[in-house]
PDB file of N, CA and C in Angstrom:
ATOM      1  N   MET A   1      16.760  -2.782  45.430  1.00  0.00           N
ATOM      2  CA  MET A   1      16.484  -4.194  45.376  1.00  0.00           C
ATOM      3  C   MET A   1      15.131  -4.495  45.910  1.00  0.00           C
ATOM      4  N   SER A   2      14.333  -5.254  45.173  1.00  0.00           N
ATOM      5  CA  SER A   2      13.019  -5.589  45.600  1.00  0.00           C
ATOM      6  C   SER A   2      12.999  -6.848  46.486  1.00  0.00           C
ATOM      7  N   LYS A   3      12.262  -6.841  47.542  1.00  0.00           N
ATOM      8  CA  LYS A   3      12.142  -7.959  48.393  1.00  0.00           C
ATOM      9  C   LYS A   3      10.841  -8.606  48.169  1.00  0.00           C
ATOM     10  N   GLU A   4      10.110  -8.253  47.063  1.00  0.00           N
ATOM     11  CA  GLU A   4       8.859  -8.845  46.700  1.00  0.00           C
ATOM     12  C   GLU A   4       8.941 -10.330  46.501  1.00  0.00           C
ATOM     13  N   VAL A   5       8.054 -11.014  47.317  1.00  0.00           N
ATOM     14  CA  VAL A   5       7.937 -12.467  47.213  1.00  0.00           C
ATOM     15  C   VAL A   5       6.506 -12.887  47.133  1.00  0.00           C
ATOM     16  N   LYS A   6       6.140 -13.776  46.246  1.00  0.00           N
ATOM     17  CA  LYS A   6       4.804 -14.137  46.089  1.00  0.00           C
ATOM     18  C   LYS A   6       4.723 -15.576  46.386  1.00  0.00           C
ATOM     19  N   VAL A   7       3.869 -16.012  47.314  1.00  0.00           N
ATOM     20  CA  VAL A   7       3.797 -17.380  47.738  1.00  0.00           C
ATOM     21  C   VAL A   7       2.369 -17.858  47.601  1.00  0.00           C
ATOM     22  N   THR A   8       2.125 -19.061  47.079  1.00  0.00           N
ATOM     23  CA  THR A   8       0.899 -19.663  47.015  1.00  0.00           C
ATOM     24  C   THR A   8       1.052 -21.135  47.615  1.00  0.00           C
ATOM     25  N   VAL A   9      -0.093 -21.485  48.301  1.00  0.00           N
ATOM     26  CA  VAL A   9      -0.197 -22.771  48.900  1.00  0.00           C
ATOM     27  C   VAL A   9      -1.259 -23.518  48.309  1.00  0.00           C
ATOM     28  N   ASP A  10      -0.991 -24.742  47.854  1.00  0.00           N
ATOM     29  CA  ASP A  10      -2.081 -25.646  47.392  1.00  0.00           C
ATOM     30  C   ASP A  10      -2.032 -26.905  48.311  1.00  0.00           C
ATOM     31  N   GLU A  11      -2.874 -26.857  49.306  1.00  0.00           N
ATOM     32  CA  GLU A  11      -2.855 -27.905  50.317  1.00  0.00           C
ATOM     33  C   GLU A  11      -3.339 -29.247  49.681  1.00  0.00           C
ATOM     34  N   LYS A  12      -4.212 -29.241  48.717  1.00  0.00           N
ATOM     35  CA  LYS A  12      -4.646 -30.524  47.979  1.00  0.00           C
ATOM     36  C   LYS A  12      -3.512 -31.202  47.343  1.00  0.00           C
ATOM     37  N   LYS A  13      -2.688 -30.391  46.610  1.00  0.00           N
ATOM     38  CA  LYS A  13      -1.468 -30.898  46.000  1.00  0.00           C
ATOM     39  C   LYS A  13      -0.146 -31.048  46.861  1.00  0.00           C
ATOM     40  N   LYS A  14      -0.351 -30.448  48.024  1.00  0.00           N
ATOM     41  CA  LYS A  14       0.724 -30.323  49.041  1.00  0.00           C
ATOM     42  C   LYS A  14       1.967 -29.673  48.352  1.00  0.00           C
ATOM     43  N   GLU A  15       1.638 -28.501  47.771  1.00  0.00           N
ATOM     44  CA  GLU A  15       2.658 -27.677  47.060  1.00  0.00           C
ATOM     45  C   GLU A  15       2.795 -26.350  47.628  1.00  0.00           C
ATOM     46  N   LEU A  16       3.955 -25.801  47.760  1.00  0.00           N
ATOM     47  CA  LEU A  16       4.238 -24.374  48.103  1.00  0.00           C
ATOM     48  C   LEU A  16       4.922 -23.788  46.828  1.00  0.00           C
ATOM     49  N   THR A  17       4.435 -22.763  46.221  1.00  0.00           N
ATOM     50  CA  THR A  17       5.138 -22.054  45.183  1.00  0.00           C
ATOM     51  C   THR A  17       5.649 -20.714  45.590  1.00  0.00           C
ATOM     52  N   ILE A  18       6.869 -20.548  45.351  1.00  0.00           N
ATOM     53  CA  ILE A  18       7.552 -19.212  45.621  1.00  0.00           C
ATOM     54  C   ILE A  18       7.936 -18.531  44.353  1.00  0.00           C
ATOM     55  N   VAL A  19       7.602 -17.293  44.134  1.00  0.00           N
ATOM     56  CA  VAL A  19       8.022 -16.503  42.993  1.00  0.00           C
ATOM     57  C   VAL A  19       8.849 -15.331  43.540  1.00  0.00           C
ATOM     58  N   LEU A  20      10.113 -15.210  43.067  1.00  0.00           N
ATOM     59  CA  LEU A  20      10.966 -13.995  43.435  1.00  0.00           C
ATOM     60  C   LEU A  20      11.281 -13.292  42.217  1.00  0.00           C
ATOM     61  N   GLN A  21      11.373 -12.024  42.391  1.00  0.00           N
ATOM     62  CA  GLN A  21      11.875 -11.142  41.205  1.00  0.00           C
ATOM     63  C   GLN A  21      13.241 -11.314  40.965  1.00  0.00           C
ATOM     64  N   LEU A  22      13.635 -11.480  39.636  1.00  0.00           N
ATOM     65  CA  LEU A  22      15.076 -11.620  39.242  1.00  0.00           C
ATOM     66  C   LEU A  22      15.666 -10.129  39.403  1.00  0.00           C
ATOM     67  N   VAL A  23      16.918 -10.134  39.772  1.00  0.00           N
ATOM     68  CA  VAL A  23      17.680  -8.923  39.933  1.00  0.00           C
ATOM     69  C   VAL A  23      18.958  -9.027  39.062  1.00  0.00           C
ATOM     70  N   PRO A  24      19.545  -7.982  38.623  1.00  0.00           N
ATOM     71  CA  PRO A  24      20.785  -8.041  37.991  1.00  0.00           C
ATOM     72  C   PRO A  24      21.864  -8.832  38.797  1.00  0.00           C
ATOM     73  N   PRO A  25      22.656  -9.765  38.352  1.00  0.00           N
ATOM     74  CA  PRO A  25      23.505 -10.501  39.183  1.00  0.00           C
ATOM     75  C   PRO A  25      24.469  -9.530  40.005  1.00  0.00           C
ATOM     76  N   GLN A  26      24.492  -9.845  41.327  1.00  0.00           N
ATOM     77  CA  GLN A  26      25.406  -8.935  42.115  1.00  0.00           C
ATOM     78  C   GLN A  26      26.194  -9.944  43.015  1.00  0.00           C
ATOM     79  N   VAL A  27      27.437  -9.528  43.211  1.00  0.00           N
ATOM     80  CA  VAL A  27      28.348 -10.331  44.034  1.00  0.00           C
ATOM     81  C   VAL A  27      27.877 -10.416  45.484  1.00  0.00           C
ATOM     82  N   SER A  28      27.880 -11.550  46.044  1.00  0.00           N
ATOM     83  CA  SER A  28      27.567 -11.794  47.409  1.00  0.00           C
ATOM     84  C   SER A  28      28.587 -11.216  48.313  1.00  0.00           C
ATOM     85  N   LYS A  29      28.263 -11.104  49.583  1.00  0.00           N
ATOM     86  CA  LYS A  29      29.133 -10.527  50.567  1.00  0.00           C
ATOM     87  C   LYS A  29      30.456 -11.406  50.619  1.00  0.00           C
ATOM     88  N   SER A  30      30.388 -12.681  50.472  1.00  0.00           N
ATOM     89  CA  SER A  30      31.573 -13.507  50.588  1.00  0.00           C
ATOM     90  C   SER A  30      32.372 -13.472  49.193  1.00  0.00           C
ATOM     91  N   GLY A  31      31.750 -13.108  48.212  1.00  0.00           N
ATOM     92  CA  GLY A  31      32.383 -13.033  46.769  1.00  0.00           C
ATOM     93  C   GLY A  31      32.327 -14.447  46.148  1.00  0.00           C
ATOM     94  N   LYS A  32      31.724 -15.329  46.761  1.00  0.00           N
ATOM     95  CA  LYS A  32      31.714 -16.690  46.166  1.00  0.00           C
ATOM     96  C   LYS A  32      30.555 -16.915  45.160  1.00  0.00           C
ATOM     97  N   SER A  33      29.606 -16.051  45.080  1.00  0.00           N
ATOM     98  CA  SER A  33      28.384 -16.280  44.263  1.00  0.00           C
ATOM     99  C   SER A  33      27.895 -14.946  43.779  1.00  0.00           C
ATOM    100  N   LEU A  34      27.024 -15.115  42.755  1.00  0.00           N
ATOM    101  CA  LEU A  34      26.305 -13.920  42.143  1.00  0.00           C
ATOM    102  C   LEU A  34      24.800 -14.167  42.527  1.00  0.00           C
ATOM    103  N   THR A  35      24.284 -13.255  43.342  1.00  0.00           N
ATOM    104  CA  THR A  35      22.846 -13.392  43.701  1.00  0.00           C
ATOM    105  C   THR A  35      21.980 -12.882  42.477  1.00  0.00           C
ATOM    106  N   ILE A  36      20.962 -13.739  42.188  1.00  0.00           N
ATOM    107  CA  ILE A  36      20.061 -13.352  41.031  1.00  0.00           C
ATOM    108  C   ILE A  36      18.598 -13.120  41.475  1.00  0.00           C
ATOM    109  N   ALA A  37      18.314 -13.663  42.665  1.00  0.00           N
ATOM    110  CA  ALA A  37      16.953 -13.509  43.253  1.00  0.00           C
ATOM    111  C   ALA A  37      17.066 -13.798  44.790  1.00  0.00           C
ATOM    112  N   SER A  38      16.365 -12.932  45.607  1.00  0.00           N
ATOM    113  CA  SER A  38      16.458 -13.247  46.930  1.00  0.00           C
ATOM    114  C   SER A  38      15.361 -12.470  47.710  1.00  0.00           C
ATOM    115  N   THR A  39      15.014 -12.931  48.856  1.00  0.00           N
ATOM    116  CA  THR A  39      14.137 -12.253  49.777  1.00  0.00           C
ATOM    117  C   THR A  39      14.941 -11.247  50.665  1.00  0.00           C
ATOM    118  N   PHE A  40      16.222 -11.359  50.493  1.00  0.00           N
ATOM    119  CA  PHE A  40      17.209 -10.524  51.293  1.00  0.00           C
ATOM    120  C   PHE A  40      16.860 -10.472  52.777  1.00  0.00           C
ATOM    121  N   GLY A  41      16.818 -11.685  53.277  1.00  0.00           N
ATOM    122  CA  GLY A  41      16.369 -11.881  54.752  1.00  0.00           C
ATOM    123  C   GLY A  41      14.966 -12.640  54.701  1.00  0.00           C
ATOM    124  N   ASN A  42      14.372 -12.681  55.851  1.00  0.00           N
ATOM    125  CA  ASN A  42      13.218 -13.316  55.898  1.00  0.00           C
ATOM    126  C   ASN A  42      12.017 -12.336  55.620  1.00  0.00           C
ATOM    127  N   ALA A  43      11.050 -12.896  54.846  1.00  0.00           N
ATOM    128  CA  ALA A  43       9.986 -12.007  54.369  1.00  0.00           C
ATOM    129  C   ALA A  43       8.634 -12.646  54.724  1.00  0.00           C
ATOM    130  N   GLN A  44       7.772 -11.805  55.436  1.00  0.00           N
ATOM    131  CA  GLN A  44       6.523 -12.341  55.736  1.00  0.00           C
ATOM    132  C   GLN A  44       5.663 -12.170  54.517  1.00  0.00           C
ATOM    133  N   THR A  45       4.864 -13.269  54.167  1.00  0.00           N
ATOM    134  CA  THR A  45       4.056 -13.267  53.033  1.00  0.00           C
ATOM    135  C   THR A  45       2.565 -13.132  53.378  1.00  0.00           C
ATOM    136  N   ASP A  46       1.733 -13.080  52.377  1.00  0.00           N
ATOM    137  CA  ASP A  46       0.314 -13.107  52.570  1.00  0.00           C
ATOM    138  C   ASP A  46      -0.293 -14.513  52.619  1.00  0.00           C
ATOM    139  N   ALA A  47       0.597 -15.500  52.227  1.00  0.00           N
ATOM    140  CA  ALA A  47       0.099 -16.790  52.165  1.00  0.00           C
ATOM    141  C   ALA A  47      -0.117 -17.321  53.640  1.00  0.00           C
ATOM    142  N   VAL A  48      -1.064 -18.164  53.758  1.00  0.00           N
ATOM    143  CA  VAL A  48      -1.447 -18.808  55.077  1.00  0.00           C
ATOM    144  C   VAL A  48      -1.490 -20.257  54.975  1.00  0.00           C
ATOM    145  N   LEU A  49      -1.069 -20.836  56.121  1.00  0.00           N
ATOM    146  CA  LEU A  49      -1.186 -22.294  56.324  1.00  0.00           C
ATOM    147  C   LEU A  49      -1.491 -22.621  57.648  1.00  0.00           C
ATOM    148  N   ASN A  50      -2.550 -23.352  57.904  1.00  0.00           N
ATOM    149  CA  ASN A  50      -3.070 -23.667  59.258  1.00  0.00           C
ATOM    150  C   ASN A  50      -3.399 -22.376  60.098  1.00  0.00           C
ATOM    151  N   GLY A  51      -3.909 -21.403  59.398  1.00  0.00           N
ATOM    152  CA  GLY A  51      -4.278 -20.197  59.913  1.00  0.00           C
ATOM    153  C   GLY A  51      -3.142 -19.258  60.312  1.00  0.00           C
ATOM    154  N   LYS A  52      -1.976 -19.464  59.936  1.00  0.00           N
ATOM    155  CA  LYS A  52      -0.667 -18.716  60.216  1.00  0.00           C
ATOM    156  C   LYS A  52      -0.081 -18.252  58.911  1.00  0.00           C
ATOM    157  N   ARG A  53       0.467 -16.960  58.957  1.00  0.00           N
ATOM    158  CA  ARG A  53       1.111 -16.474  57.722  1.00  0.00           C
ATOM    159  C   ARG A  53       2.476 -17.129  57.588  1.00  0.00           C
ATOM    160  N   ILE A  54       2.808 -17.364  56.413  1.00  0.00           N
ATOM    161  CA  ILE A  54       4.015 -18.008  56.051  1.00  0.00           C
ATOM    162  C   ILE A  54       5.171 -17.031  55.847  1.00  0.00           C
ATOM    163  N   VAL A  55       6.361 -17.381  56.359  1.00  0.00           N
ATOM    164  CA  VAL A  55       7.564 -16.523  56.265  1.00  0.00           C
ATOM    165  C   VAL A  55       8.589 -17.279  55.492  1.00  0.00           C
ATOM    166  N   ILE A  56       9.149 -16.584  54.556  1.00  0.00           N
ATOM    167  CA  ILE A  56      10.107 -17.253  53.562  1.00  0.00           C
ATOM    168  C   ILE A  56      11.424 -16.450  53.547  1.00  0.00           C
ATOM    169  N   GLY A  57      12.509 -17.191  53.649  1.00  0.00           N
ATOM    170  CA  GLY A  57      13.831 -16.810  53.494  1.00  0.00           C
ATOM    171  C   GLY A  57      14.493 -17.633  52.380  1.00  0.00           C
ATOM    172  N   CYS A  58      14.891 -16.986  51.268  1.00  0.00           N
ATOM    173  CA  CYS A  58      15.241 -17.747  50.051  1.00  0.00           C
ATOM    174  C   CYS A  58      16.300 -16.867  49.259  1.00  0.00           C
ATOM    175  N   ASN A  59      17.237 -17.583  48.664  1.00  0.00           N
ATOM    176  CA  ASN A  59      18.274 -17.015  47.815  1.00  0.00           C
ATOM    177  C   ASN A  59      18.485 -17.930  46.663  1.00  0.00           C
ATOM    178  N   ALA A  60      18.577 -17.262  45.436  1.00  0.00           N
ATOM    179  CA  ALA A  60      18.953 -18.001  44.222  1.00  0.00           C
ATOM    180  C   ALA A  60      20.220 -17.351  43.730  1.00  0.00           C
ATOM    181  N   TYR A  61      21.189 -18.158  43.376  1.00  0.00           N
ATOM    182  CA  TYR A  61      22.485 -17.609  43.042  1.00  0.00           C
ATOM    183  C   TYR A  61      23.181 -18.452  42.037  1.00  0.00           C
ATOM    184  N   ILE A  62      24.246 -17.940  41.410  1.00  0.00           N
ATOM    185  CA  ILE A  62      25.134 -18.561  40.426  1.00  0.00           C
ATOM    186  C   ILE A  62      26.539 -18.567  41.138  1.00  0.00           C
ATOM    187  N   LYS A  63      27.202 -19.725  41.065  1.00  0.00           N
ATOM    188  CA  LYS A  63      28.581 -19.763  41.559  1.00  0.00           C
ATOM    189  C   LYS A  63      29.433 -18.804  40.824  1.00  0.00           C
ATOM    190  N   ASN A  64      30.279 -18.021  41.527  1.00  0.00           N
ATOM    191  CA  ASN A  64      31.156 -17.086  41.016  1.00  0.00           C
ATOM    192  C   ASN A  64      32.589 -17.746  40.847  1.00  0.00           C
ATOM    193  N   ASN A  65      32.779 -18.250  39.660  1.00  0.00           N
ATOM    194  CA  ASN A  65      34.094 -18.980  39.427  1.00  0.00           C
ATOM    195  C   ASN A  65      35.209 -17.988  39.532  1.00  0.00           C
TER     196      ASN A  65
END
């Protein structure tokens, strides 16, 4: 599983863009959802705001009916 995350900051537009690699749907630990993209925990990025590196923790999933 890739933990690759790309983050860009546009301070002028006040936007943070996060790009996660899609993975084949996998059942979450609880079984309630199918994870399709994730940082799989907190990931330190190369993006900087106010002189400090940004850390992202993000999950994208589909409800597992």
